[in-house]
Amino acid sequence: MLSDIGHKILRIIANLSALRKYTPNIEALEFKTGRDRQVVMKVLAVLAREQYIEWSEKDPDYIQLLEVWERKPLYDAKLSPPFKTNTSPFMNWLI
């Protein structure tokens, strides 16, 4: 799951790519988020590592969007397991 600033930067990149037909540079992301360059660079590194964007610190103004929406987990581990645990492992295929 992305942090709030990660989600915000992903939405900015996606919206500008779709509506304005250009990908924002680092300065534009700084201005639109109100964060400094180091924070924006760290968030872009996380987005690249999680394969939402293609980005490198060597060429920081080149950002290519790979996935527009944040991925949701298949299930919430806090609420329920993905299968019933009170049955034997052999019987889980029936569920």
C-alpha atoms as a PDB file:
ATOM      1  CA  MET A   1       0.000   0.000   0.000  1.00  0.00           C
ATOM      2  CA  LEU A   2       1.258   3.445  -0.852  1.00  0.00           C
ATOM      3  CA  SER A   3       1.708   6.263   1.616  1.00  0.00           C
ATOM      4  CA  ASP A   4      -0.440   9.378   1.250  1.00  0.00           C
ATOM      5  CA  ILE A   5       2.318  11.294  -0.517  1.00  0.00           C
ATOM      6  CA  GLY A   6       3.042   8.283  -2.752  1.00  0.00           C
ATOM      7  CA  HIS A   7      -0.603   8.071  -3.720  1.00  0.00           C
ATOM      8  CA  LYS A   8      -0.725  11.827  -4.338  1.00  0.00           C
ATOM      9  CA  ILE A   9       2.341  11.821  -6.591  1.00  0.00           C
ATOM     10  CA  LEU A  10       1.039   8.818  -8.535  1.00  0.00           C
ATOM     11  CA  ARG A  11      -2.285  10.604  -9.104  1.00  0.00           C
ATOM     12  CA  ILE A  12      -0.517  13.811 -10.213  1.00  0.00           C
ATOM     13  CA  ILE A  13       1.612  11.892 -12.716  1.00  0.00           C
ATOM     14  CA  ALA A  14      -1.405   9.948 -14.007  1.00  0.00           C
ATOM     15  CA  ASN A  15      -3.653  12.996 -14.316  1.00  0.00           C
ATOM     16  CA  LEU A  16      -1.079  15.179 -16.059  1.00  0.00           C
ATOM     17  CA  SER A  17      -0.164  12.317 -18.391  1.00  0.00           C
ATOM     18  CA  ALA A  18      -3.799  11.760 -19.353  1.00  0.00           C
ATOM     19  CA  LEU A  19      -5.137  15.323 -19.391  1.00  0.00           C
ATOM     20  CA  ARG A  20      -2.167  17.450 -20.410  1.00  0.00           C
ATOM     21  CA  LYS A  21      -0.284  14.791 -22.412  1.00  0.00           C
ATOM     22  CA  TYR A  22       3.010  15.355 -20.577  1.00  0.00           C
ATOM     23  CA  THR A  23       4.737  13.838 -17.592  1.00  0.00           C
ATOM     24  CA  PRO A  24       5.696  16.321 -14.865  1.00  0.00           C
ATOM     25  CA  ASN A  25       9.309  16.888 -13.919  1.00  0.00           C
ATOM     26  CA  ILE A  26      10.721  17.012 -10.385  1.00  0.00           C
ATOM     27  CA  GLU A  27      10.146  20.768 -10.012  1.00  0.00           C
ATOM     28  CA  ALA A  28       6.484  20.438 -11.018  1.00  0.00           C
ATOM     29  CA  LEU A  29       5.994  17.630  -8.490  1.00  0.00           C
ATOM     30  CA  GLU A  30       7.663  19.746  -5.788  1.00  0.00           C
ATOM     31  CA  PHE A  31       5.321  22.639  -6.544  1.00  0.00           C
ATOM     32  CA  LYS A  32       2.145  20.543  -6.740  1.00  0.00           C
ATOM     33  CA  THR A  33       2.846  18.547  -3.562  1.00  0.00           C
ATOM     34  CA  GLY A  34       4.463  21.278  -1.481  1.00  0.00           C
ATOM     35  CA  ARG A  35       7.326  18.919  -0.621  1.00  0.00           C
ATOM     36  CA  ASP A  36      11.042  19.421  -1.112  1.00  0.00           C
ATOM     37  CA  ARG A  37      13.167  17.697  -3.751  1.00  0.00           C
ATOM     38  CA  GLN A  38      14.540  14.999  -1.445  1.00  0.00           C
ATOM     39  CA  VAL A  39      11.073  13.842  -0.388  1.00  0.00           C
ATOM     40  CA  VAL A  40       9.851  13.761  -3.990  1.00  0.00           C
ATOM     41  CA  MET A  41      12.932  11.780  -5.057  1.00  0.00           C
ATOM     42  CA  LYS A  42      12.420   9.231  -2.252  1.00  0.00           C
ATOM     43  CA  VAL A  43       8.757   8.781  -3.185  1.00  0.00           C
ATOM     44  CA  LEU A  44       9.643   8.360  -6.859  1.00  0.00           C
ATOM     45  CA  ALA A  45      12.200   5.711  -5.863  1.00  0.00           C
ATOM     46  CA  VAL A  46       9.502   3.818  -3.956  1.00  0.00           C
ATOM     47  CA  LEU A  47       7.055   4.086  -6.875  1.00  0.00           C
ATOM     48  CA  ALA A  48       9.750   2.793  -9.232  1.00  0.00           C
ATOM     49  CA  ARG A  49      10.661  -0.077  -6.903  1.00  0.00           C
ATOM     50  CA  GLU A  50       6.999  -1.110  -6.673  1.00  0.00           C
ATOM     51  CA  GLN A  51       6.742  -0.810 -10.483  1.00  0.00           C
ATOM     52  CA  TYR A  52       4.132   1.937 -10.694  1.00  0.00           C
ATOM     53  CA  ILE A  53       6.535   4.080 -12.729  1.00  0.00           C
ATOM     54  CA  GLU A  54       9.774   3.722 -14.614  1.00  0.00           C
ATOM     55  CA  TRP A  55      12.268   6.174 -13.157  1.00  0.00           C
ATOM     56  CA  SER A  56      15.960   6.477 -12.381  1.00  0.00           C
ATOM     57  CA  GLU A  57      17.986   8.874 -10.265  1.00  0.00           C
ATOM     58  CA  LYS A  58      20.439   9.197 -13.166  1.00  0.00           C
ATOM     59  CA  ASP A  59      17.780  10.946 -15.257  1.00  0.00           C
ATOM     60  CA  PRO A  60      15.320  12.226 -12.620  1.00  0.00           C
ATOM     61  CA  ASP A  61      13.099  14.215 -14.990  1.00  0.00           C
ATOM     62  CA  TYR A  62      12.236  11.150 -17.095  1.00  0.00           C
ATOM     63  CA  ILE A  63       9.186   9.458 -15.583  1.00  0.00           C
ATOM     64  CA  GLN A  64       7.185   6.845 -17.440  1.00  0.00           C
ATOM     65  CA  LEU A  65       3.869   5.754 -15.989  1.00  0.00           C
ATOM     66  CA  LEU A  66       3.423   1.972 -15.866  1.00  0.00           C
ATOM     67  CA  GLU A  67       0.334   1.577 -13.703  1.00  0.00           C
ATOM     68  CA  VAL A  68      -2.289   4.243 -13.131  1.00  0.00           C
ATOM     69  CA  TRP A  69      -4.117   2.961 -10.053  1.00  0.00           C
ATOM     70  CA  GLU A  70      -2.801   1.813  -6.720  1.00  0.00           C
ATOM     71  CA  ARG A  71      -2.966  -1.953  -6.293  1.00  0.00           C
ATOM     72  CA  LYS A  72      -5.249  -3.217  -3.557  1.00  0.00           C
ATOM     73  CA  PRO A  73      -4.384  -6.302  -1.511  1.00  0.00           C
ATOM     74  CA  LEU A  74      -6.364  -9.440  -2.310  1.00  0.00           C
ATOM     75  CA  TYR A  75      -7.610  -9.533   1.259  1.00  0.00           C
ATOM     76  CA  ASP A  76      -7.151  -7.556   4.434  1.00  0.00           C
ATOM     77  CA  ALA A  77      -4.984  -9.639   6.767  1.00  0.00           C
ATOM     78  CA  LYS A  78      -6.439  -7.853   9.800  1.00  0.00           C
ATOM     79  CA  LEU A  79     -10.014  -8.851   8.953  1.00  0.00           C
ATOM     80  CA  SER A  80      -9.902 -12.421   7.761  1.00  0.00           C
ATOM     81  CA  PRO A  81      -7.549 -15.025   6.342  1.00  0.00           C
ATOM     82  CA  PRO A  82      -7.895 -15.956   2.660  1.00  0.00           C
ATOM     83  CA  PHE A  83      -9.247 -19.378   3.612  1.00  0.00           C
ATOM     84  CA  LYS A  84     -10.815 -21.054   6.608  1.00  0.00           C
ATOM     85  CA  THR A  85      -8.227 -22.184   9.117  1.00  0.00           C
ATOM     86  CA  ASN A  86     -10.424 -24.492  11.197  1.00  0.00           C
ATOM     87  CA  THR A  87     -10.365 -27.219   8.530  1.00  0.00           C
ATOM     88  CA  SER A  88      -7.579 -29.542   7.552  1.00  0.00           C
ATOM     89  CA  PRO A  89      -5.201 -28.433   4.774  1.00  0.00           C
ATOM     90  CA  PHE A  90      -6.577 -31.240   2.614  1.00  0.00           C
ATOM     91  CA  MET A  91     -10.097 -29.787   2.818  1.00  0.00           C
ATOM     92  CA  ASN A  92      -9.059 -26.211   1.884  1.00  0.00           C
ATOM     93  CA  TRP A  93      -9.431 -26.978  -1.821  1.00  0.00           C
ATOM     94  CA  LEU A  94     -13.163 -27.393  -1.264  1.00  0.00           C
ATOM     95  CA  ILE A  95     -13.574 -23.863   0.030  1.00  0.00           C
END
